[in-house]
N, C-alpha and C. Protein backbone atom coordinates (compact mmCIF):
# COMPACT_ATOMS: atom_id res chain seq x y z
N UNK A 1 0.91 -1.60 43.96
CA UNK A 1 1.85 -2.70 43.91
C UNK A 1 1.41 -3.77 44.89
N UNK A 2 1.35 -5.01 44.44
CA UNK A 2 0.92 -6.09 45.31
C UNK A 2 2.13 -6.72 46.00
N UNK A 3 1.91 -7.15 47.23
CA UNK A 3 2.97 -7.77 47.99
C UNK A 3 3.12 -9.23 47.58
N UNK A 4 4.35 -9.72 47.58
CA UNK A 4 4.58 -11.12 47.30
C UNK A 4 4.12 -11.96 48.47
N UNK A 5 3.68 -13.17 48.19
CA UNK A 5 3.35 -14.10 49.26
C UNK A 5 4.37 -15.23 49.22
N UNK A 6 4.59 -15.86 50.35
CA UNK A 6 5.57 -16.93 50.46
C UNK A 6 4.94 -18.13 51.12
N UNK A 7 5.02 -19.30 50.51
CA UNK A 7 5.60 -19.50 49.19
C UNK A 7 4.78 -18.78 48.12
N UNK A 8 5.37 -18.59 46.93
CA UNK A 8 4.67 -17.87 45.88
C UNK A 8 3.30 -18.47 45.58
N UNK A 9 2.37 -17.61 45.16
CA UNK A 9 1.03 -18.06 44.80
C UNK A 9 1.13 -19.21 43.82
N UNK A 10 0.34 -20.20 44.02
CA UNK A 10 0.39 -21.38 43.16
C UNK A 10 1.32 -22.46 43.66
N UNK A 11 2.08 -22.16 44.71
CA UNK A 11 3.01 -23.14 45.26
C UNK A 11 2.77 -23.42 46.74
N UNK A 12 1.73 -22.81 47.29
CA UNK A 12 1.47 -22.97 48.72
C UNK A 12 1.07 -24.40 49.09
N UNK A 13 0.67 -25.20 48.10
CA UNK A 13 0.34 -26.59 48.37
C UNK A 13 1.59 -27.44 48.60
N UNK A 14 2.76 -26.91 48.27
CA UNK A 14 4.01 -27.67 48.41
C UNK A 14 4.50 -27.70 49.86
N UNK A 15 4.36 -26.58 50.55
CA UNK A 15 4.82 -26.46 51.93
C UNK A 15 3.88 -25.54 52.69
N UNK A 16 3.53 -25.97 53.90
CA UNK A 16 2.62 -25.19 54.73
C UNK A 16 3.19 -25.09 56.13
N UNK A 17 3.21 -23.88 56.66
CA UNK A 17 3.67 -23.66 58.03
C UNK A 17 2.57 -24.10 58.98
N UNK A 18 2.96 -24.80 60.04
CA UNK A 18 2.04 -25.29 61.06
C UNK A 18 2.25 -24.43 62.31
N UNK A 19 1.18 -23.92 62.92
CA UNK A 19 1.36 -23.14 64.15
C UNK A 19 2.11 -23.97 65.20
N UNK A 20 3.08 -23.34 65.87
CA UNK A 20 3.90 -24.04 66.85
C UNK A 20 3.08 -24.62 67.99
N UNK A 21 2.12 -23.84 68.46
CA UNK A 21 1.32 -24.30 69.58
C UNK A 21 0.40 -25.43 69.12
N UNK A 22 0.52 -26.53 69.79
CA UNK A 22 -0.35 -27.66 69.48
C UNK A 22 0.12 -28.53 68.33
N UNK A 23 1.28 -28.25 67.75
CA UNK A 23 1.78 -29.09 66.66
C UNK A 23 2.15 -30.46 67.22
N UNK A 24 1.63 -31.48 66.59
CA UNK A 24 1.94 -32.84 67.03
C UNK A 24 2.36 -33.67 65.82
N UNK A 25 2.72 -34.90 66.07
CA UNK A 25 3.11 -35.83 65.01
C UNK A 25 4.29 -35.31 64.18
N UNK A 26 5.25 -34.66 64.85
CA UNK A 26 6.45 -34.20 64.15
C UNK A 26 7.32 -35.42 63.88
N UNK A 27 7.60 -35.68 62.60
CA UNK A 27 8.32 -36.90 62.22
C UNK A 27 9.82 -36.69 62.06
N UNK A 28 10.22 -35.45 61.82
CA UNK A 28 11.65 -35.13 61.69
C UNK A 28 11.92 -33.84 62.45
N UNK A 29 13.11 -33.77 63.03
CA UNK A 29 13.54 -32.58 63.77
C UNK A 29 14.96 -32.27 63.29
N UNK A 30 15.07 -31.30 62.38
CA UNK A 30 16.36 -31.01 61.75
C UNK A 30 16.87 -29.64 62.21
N UNK A 31 18.20 -29.54 62.29
CA UNK A 31 18.85 -28.28 62.63
C UNK A 31 19.94 -27.99 61.61
N UNK A 32 19.78 -26.87 60.90
CA UNK A 32 20.77 -26.42 59.94
C UNK A 32 21.86 -25.63 60.63
N UNK A 33 22.97 -25.43 59.93
CA UNK A 33 24.16 -24.82 60.51
C UNK A 33 24.85 -24.01 59.41
N UNK A 34 25.01 -22.71 59.63
CA UNK A 34 25.64 -21.86 58.62
C UNK A 34 27.08 -22.27 58.32
N UNK A 35 27.77 -22.85 59.29
CA UNK A 35 29.16 -23.24 59.05
C UNK A 35 29.26 -24.56 58.29
N UNK A 36 28.13 -25.15 57.97
CA UNK A 36 28.08 -26.37 57.16
C UNK A 36 27.53 -26.00 55.78
N UNK A 37 28.21 -25.09 55.12
CA UNK A 37 27.82 -24.60 53.79
C UNK A 37 26.41 -24.02 53.76
N UNK A 38 25.95 -23.49 54.90
CA UNK A 38 24.66 -22.82 55.00
C UNK A 38 23.48 -23.70 54.59
N UNK A 39 23.67 -25.03 54.68
CA UNK A 39 22.57 -25.91 54.29
C UNK A 39 22.47 -27.12 55.20
N UNK A 40 21.33 -27.76 55.13
CA UNK A 40 21.11 -29.03 55.82
C UNK A 40 20.31 -29.91 54.89
N UNK A 41 20.76 -31.15 54.72
CA UNK A 41 20.02 -32.04 53.84
C UNK A 41 20.02 -33.45 54.39
N UNK A 42 19.08 -34.22 53.89
CA UNK A 42 18.98 -35.61 54.31
C UNK A 42 18.05 -36.37 53.40
N UNK A 43 18.06 -37.68 53.57
CA UNK A 43 17.18 -38.57 52.81
C UNK A 43 15.88 -38.76 53.58
N UNK A 44 14.77 -38.71 52.86
CA UNK A 44 13.47 -39.00 53.44
C UNK A 44 12.69 -39.89 52.47
N UNK A 45 11.82 -40.70 53.02
CA UNK A 45 11.01 -41.59 52.20
C UNK A 45 9.79 -40.86 51.66
N UNK A 46 9.48 -41.08 50.40
CA UNK A 46 8.28 -40.49 49.81
C UNK A 46 7.02 -40.95 50.54
N UNK A 47 7.09 -42.12 51.17
CA UNK A 47 5.92 -42.62 51.89
C UNK A 47 5.61 -41.79 53.14
N UNK A 48 6.55 -40.91 53.54
CA UNK A 48 6.31 -40.02 54.69
C UNK A 48 5.49 -38.78 54.31
N UNK A 49 5.21 -38.63 53.02
CA UNK A 49 4.48 -37.45 52.55
C UNK A 49 3.00 -37.53 52.92
N UNK A 50 2.43 -36.48 53.47
CA UNK A 50 3.07 -35.21 53.83
C UNK A 50 3.94 -35.37 55.08
N UNK A 51 5.13 -34.79 55.02
CA UNK A 51 6.11 -34.89 56.10
C UNK A 51 5.98 -33.68 57.01
N UNK A 52 5.76 -33.92 58.30
CA UNK A 52 5.76 -32.83 59.28
C UNK A 52 7.16 -32.76 59.88
N UNK A 53 7.81 -31.61 59.68
CA UNK A 53 9.21 -31.43 60.05
C UNK A 53 9.37 -30.14 60.87
N UNK A 54 10.15 -30.24 61.96
CA UNK A 54 10.52 -29.05 62.73
C UNK A 54 11.92 -28.67 62.25
N UNK A 55 12.08 -27.41 61.82
CA UNK A 55 13.36 -26.93 61.32
C UNK A 55 13.88 -25.83 62.23
N UNK A 56 15.10 -26.00 62.69
CA UNK A 56 15.80 -24.98 63.47
C UNK A 56 17.09 -24.66 62.73
N UNK A 57 17.71 -23.53 63.12
CA UNK A 57 18.95 -23.13 62.46
C UNK A 57 19.87 -22.50 63.48
N UNK A 58 21.17 -22.61 63.25
CA UNK A 58 22.16 -21.97 64.11
C UNK A 58 23.34 -21.51 63.28
N UNK A 59 24.08 -20.57 63.84
CA UNK A 59 25.20 -19.99 63.13
C UNK A 59 26.35 -20.99 63.00
N UNK A 60 26.65 -21.66 64.08
CA UNK A 60 27.75 -22.62 64.08
C UNK A 60 27.42 -23.80 64.96
N UNK A 61 28.25 -24.83 64.94
CA UNK A 61 27.95 -26.05 65.68
C UNK A 61 27.84 -25.87 67.19
N UNK A 62 28.48 -24.86 67.74
CA UNK A 62 28.44 -24.64 69.19
C UNK A 62 27.37 -23.64 69.62
N UNK A 63 26.67 -23.05 68.67
CA UNK A 63 25.64 -22.05 68.98
C UNK A 63 24.30 -22.72 69.27
N UNK A 64 23.43 -21.99 69.96
CA UNK A 64 22.09 -22.49 70.24
C UNK A 64 21.22 -22.35 69.00
N UNK A 65 20.40 -23.36 68.70
CA UNK A 65 19.53 -23.26 67.53
C UNK A 65 18.34 -22.35 67.79
N UNK A 66 17.84 -21.73 66.71
CA UNK A 66 16.61 -20.94 66.74
C UNK A 66 15.60 -21.63 65.84
N UNK A 67 14.37 -21.68 66.31
CA UNK A 67 13.31 -22.34 65.55
C UNK A 67 12.97 -21.52 64.30
N UNK A 68 13.02 -22.17 63.15
CA UNK A 68 12.54 -21.59 61.90
C UNK A 68 11.03 -21.81 61.83
N UNK A 69 10.60 -23.04 62.14
CA UNK A 69 9.17 -23.34 62.14
C UNK A 69 8.91 -24.83 62.01
N UNK A 70 7.65 -25.16 62.07
CA UNK A 70 7.18 -26.52 61.86
C UNK A 70 6.40 -26.49 60.55
N UNK A 71 6.69 -27.45 59.68
CA UNK A 71 6.15 -27.41 58.33
C UNK A 71 5.59 -28.76 57.90
N UNK A 72 4.54 -28.73 57.11
CA UNK A 72 4.05 -29.90 56.41
C UNK A 72 4.54 -29.79 54.97
N UNK A 73 5.30 -30.80 54.54
CA UNK A 73 5.89 -30.79 53.21
C UNK A 73 5.26 -31.88 52.35
N UNK A 74 4.75 -31.50 51.19
CA UNK A 74 4.23 -32.47 50.24
C UNK A 74 5.41 -32.92 49.38
N UNK A 75 6.05 -33.99 49.80
CA UNK A 75 7.28 -34.45 49.15
C UNK A 75 7.05 -34.80 47.68
N UNK A 76 5.94 -35.43 47.38
CA UNK A 76 5.66 -35.83 46.00
C UNK A 76 5.52 -34.61 45.09
N UNK A 77 4.83 -33.58 45.58
CA UNK A 77 4.66 -32.36 44.79
C UNK A 77 5.98 -31.56 44.70
N UNK A 78 6.75 -31.56 45.79
CA UNK A 78 8.07 -30.89 45.76
C UNK A 78 8.98 -31.56 44.74
N UNK A 79 8.92 -32.89 44.67
CA UNK A 79 9.72 -33.63 43.70
C UNK A 79 9.28 -33.30 42.28
N UNK A 80 7.98 -33.31 42.06
CA UNK A 80 7.44 -33.01 40.73
C UNK A 80 7.81 -31.59 40.29
N UNK A 81 7.84 -30.65 41.24
CA UNK A 81 8.16 -29.25 40.92
C UNK A 81 9.67 -29.01 40.82
N UNK A 82 10.49 -30.00 41.18
CA UNK A 82 11.93 -29.87 41.03
C UNK A 82 12.65 -29.24 42.21
N UNK A 83 12.00 -29.10 43.37
CA UNK A 83 12.65 -28.51 44.54
C UNK A 83 13.42 -29.54 45.37
N UNK A 84 13.11 -30.82 45.17
CA UNK A 84 13.88 -31.91 45.78
C UNK A 84 14.17 -32.91 44.66
N UNK A 85 15.05 -33.87 44.93
CA UNK A 85 15.41 -34.81 43.87
C UNK A 85 15.34 -36.24 44.38
N UNK A 86 15.20 -37.17 43.43
CA UNK A 86 15.26 -38.59 43.76
C UNK A 86 16.63 -38.90 44.32
N UNK A 87 16.67 -39.79 45.27
CA UNK A 87 17.92 -40.24 45.83
C UNK A 87 18.45 -41.38 44.97
N UNK A 88 19.68 -41.24 44.44
CA UNK A 88 20.22 -42.33 43.62
C UNK A 88 20.28 -43.63 44.42
N UNK A 89 20.11 -44.72 43.74
CA UNK A 89 20.18 -46.07 44.34
C UNK A 89 19.03 -46.36 45.30
N UNK A 90 17.97 -45.59 45.24
CA UNK A 90 16.82 -45.83 46.09
C UNK A 90 15.55 -45.58 45.29
N UNK A 91 14.58 -46.47 45.44
CA UNK A 91 13.33 -46.34 44.69
C UNK A 91 12.34 -45.40 45.36
N UNK A 92 12.43 -45.26 46.67
CA UNK A 92 11.38 -44.52 47.38
C UNK A 92 11.92 -43.39 48.24
N UNK A 93 13.20 -43.02 48.08
CA UNK A 93 13.76 -41.94 48.89
C UNK A 93 14.09 -40.73 48.03
N UNK A 94 13.99 -39.57 48.66
CA UNK A 94 14.37 -38.31 48.01
C UNK A 94 15.36 -37.58 48.90
N UNK A 95 16.08 -36.67 48.29
CA UNK A 95 17.01 -35.82 49.04
C UNK A 95 16.32 -34.48 49.27
N UNK A 96 16.16 -34.12 50.54
CA UNK A 96 15.52 -32.86 50.93
C UNK A 96 16.61 -31.95 51.47
N UNK A 97 16.72 -30.74 50.90
CA UNK A 97 17.79 -29.81 51.26
C UNK A 97 17.21 -28.45 51.60
N UNK A 98 17.64 -27.92 52.74
CA UNK A 98 17.31 -26.55 53.14
C UNK A 98 18.58 -25.72 53.03
N UNK A 99 18.42 -24.49 52.52
CA UNK A 99 19.57 -23.60 52.34
C UNK A 99 19.24 -22.23 52.92
N UNK A 100 20.14 -21.71 53.75
CA UNK A 100 20.01 -20.37 54.33
C UNK A 100 20.79 -19.42 53.43
N UNK A 101 20.06 -18.70 52.55
CA UNK A 101 20.76 -17.89 51.55
C UNK A 101 21.33 -16.61 52.14
N UNK A 102 22.09 -15.89 51.32
CA UNK A 102 22.79 -14.69 51.78
C UNK A 102 21.85 -13.51 52.00
N UNK A 103 20.59 -13.64 51.59
CA UNK A 103 19.57 -12.63 51.89
C UNK A 103 18.82 -12.99 53.18
N UNK A 104 19.34 -13.99 53.90
CA UNK A 104 18.76 -14.46 55.17
C UNK A 104 17.37 -15.07 55.01
N UNK A 105 17.14 -15.74 53.89
CA UNK A 105 15.90 -16.46 53.67
C UNK A 105 16.23 -17.95 53.63
N UNK A 106 15.44 -18.77 54.32
CA UNK A 106 15.62 -20.22 54.29
C UNK A 106 14.74 -20.78 53.17
N UNK A 107 15.35 -21.57 52.29
CA UNK A 107 14.68 -22.13 51.12
C UNK A 107 14.78 -23.64 51.09
N UNK A 108 13.83 -24.28 50.41
CA UNK A 108 14.01 -25.66 49.98
C UNK A 108 14.63 -25.53 48.60
N UNK A 109 15.77 -26.18 48.40
CA UNK A 109 16.51 -25.96 47.15
C UNK A 109 17.26 -27.25 46.80
N UNK A 110 17.08 -27.75 45.60
CA UNK A 110 17.68 -29.02 45.22
C UNK A 110 19.21 -28.95 45.19
N UNK A 111 19.76 -27.81 44.77
CA UNK A 111 21.22 -27.59 44.80
C UNK A 111 21.49 -26.09 44.73
N UNK A 112 22.75 -25.72 44.80
CA UNK A 112 23.09 -24.29 44.89
C UNK A 112 22.81 -23.52 43.61
N UNK A 113 22.61 -24.20 42.50
CA UNK A 113 22.36 -23.51 41.23
C UNK A 113 20.87 -23.40 40.90
N UNK A 114 20.04 -24.12 41.64
CA UNK A 114 18.61 -24.17 41.33
C UNK A 114 17.84 -23.07 42.06
N UNK A 115 16.67 -22.76 41.54
CA UNK A 115 15.75 -21.81 42.19
C UNK A 115 15.28 -22.42 43.50
N UNK A 116 15.25 -21.63 44.57
CA UNK A 116 14.78 -22.11 45.87
C UNK A 116 13.33 -21.72 46.12
N UNK A 117 12.68 -22.50 46.97
CA UNK A 117 11.31 -22.21 47.41
C UNK A 117 11.40 -21.64 48.82
N UNK A 118 11.10 -20.33 49.01
CA UNK A 118 11.19 -19.73 50.34
C UNK A 118 10.22 -20.37 51.32
N UNK A 119 10.70 -20.59 52.54
CA UNK A 119 9.85 -21.17 53.58
C UNK A 119 8.86 -20.12 54.06
N UNK A 120 7.60 -20.51 54.27
CA UNK A 120 6.60 -19.54 54.73
C UNK A 120 6.83 -19.14 56.18
N UNK A 121 6.29 -18.00 56.54
CA UNK A 121 6.41 -17.51 57.91
C UNK A 121 5.08 -17.64 58.62
N UNK A 122 4.85 -16.78 59.56
CA UNK A 122 3.69 -16.82 60.44
C UNK A 122 2.39 -16.84 59.65
N UNK A 123 1.48 -17.72 60.05
CA UNK A 123 0.19 -17.84 59.35
C UNK A 123 -0.98 -17.43 60.22
N UNK A 124 -0.72 -16.74 61.32
CA UNK A 124 -1.84 -16.31 62.17
C UNK A 124 -2.72 -15.34 61.41
N UNK A 125 -3.97 -15.29 61.79
CA UNK A 125 -4.94 -14.40 61.13
C UNK A 125 -4.42 -12.97 61.13
N UNK A 126 -4.47 -12.34 59.98
CA UNK A 126 -4.09 -10.94 59.87
C UNK A 126 -2.62 -10.71 59.60
N UNK A 127 -1.80 -11.74 59.66
CA UNK A 127 -0.38 -11.53 59.40
C UNK A 127 -0.11 -11.70 57.91
N UNK A 128 0.84 -10.92 57.41
CA UNK A 128 1.22 -11.03 56.00
C UNK A 128 2.28 -12.12 55.90
N UNK A 129 2.18 -12.92 54.87
CA UNK A 129 3.14 -13.99 54.67
C UNK A 129 4.39 -13.43 54.01
N UNK A 130 5.51 -13.65 54.64
CA UNK A 130 6.81 -13.21 54.14
C UNK A 130 7.77 -14.38 54.25
N UNK A 131 8.88 -14.37 53.50
CA UNK A 131 9.83 -15.46 53.68
C UNK A 131 10.44 -15.37 55.07
N UNK A 132 10.85 -16.51 55.59
CA UNK A 132 11.49 -16.52 56.89
C UNK A 132 12.85 -15.87 56.74
N UNK A 133 13.09 -14.80 57.49
CA UNK A 133 14.40 -14.13 57.49
C UNK A 133 15.05 -14.42 58.81
N UNK A 134 16.30 -14.80 58.74
CA UNK A 134 16.99 -15.32 59.91
C UNK A 134 18.25 -14.50 60.13
N UNK A 135 18.31 -13.77 61.23
CA UNK A 135 19.46 -12.93 61.52
C UNK A 135 20.14 -13.39 62.80
N UNK A 136 21.46 -13.36 62.80
CA UNK A 136 22.21 -13.65 64.00
C UNK A 136 22.80 -12.37 64.53
N UNK A 137 22.84 -12.24 65.83
CA UNK A 137 23.42 -11.08 66.48
C UNK A 137 24.80 -11.48 66.99
N UNK A 138 25.80 -10.76 66.58
CA UNK A 138 27.15 -11.04 67.03
C UNK A 138 27.31 -10.66 68.48
N UNK A 139 27.99 -11.52 69.25
CA UNK A 139 28.26 -11.22 70.65
C UNK A 139 29.47 -10.31 70.72
N UNK A 140 29.38 -9.30 71.61
CA UNK A 140 30.51 -8.37 71.77
C UNK A 140 31.46 -8.86 72.83
């Protein structure tokens, strides 16, 4: 049985994880929040493609964020593949949405009914690529 890779084979050109150490030219720094419908979205210009984005996540607005990762996103290819959508009333903007699903995987997903693209994990030599799984520990 072969292990799945994330993003799935044939889609790795859409999003690439960038090693945290030495990452520069970060153009967006977003933080998702589970109490905000488990998603974070915003408008970005297609001219920013490839977009280097730092994504963090937290359980609620008062909690400390945890780094999901730094990613290079090919916005034009994500749009063509249907993972993001054109922004209405704008010629050059798209809506980029991240969703923290109930299986604790963070996805790029156009809406709650669409198939999501799992965010890649660690890319160091020898590591297996798995979707980013995000767990919160309840305080006692």
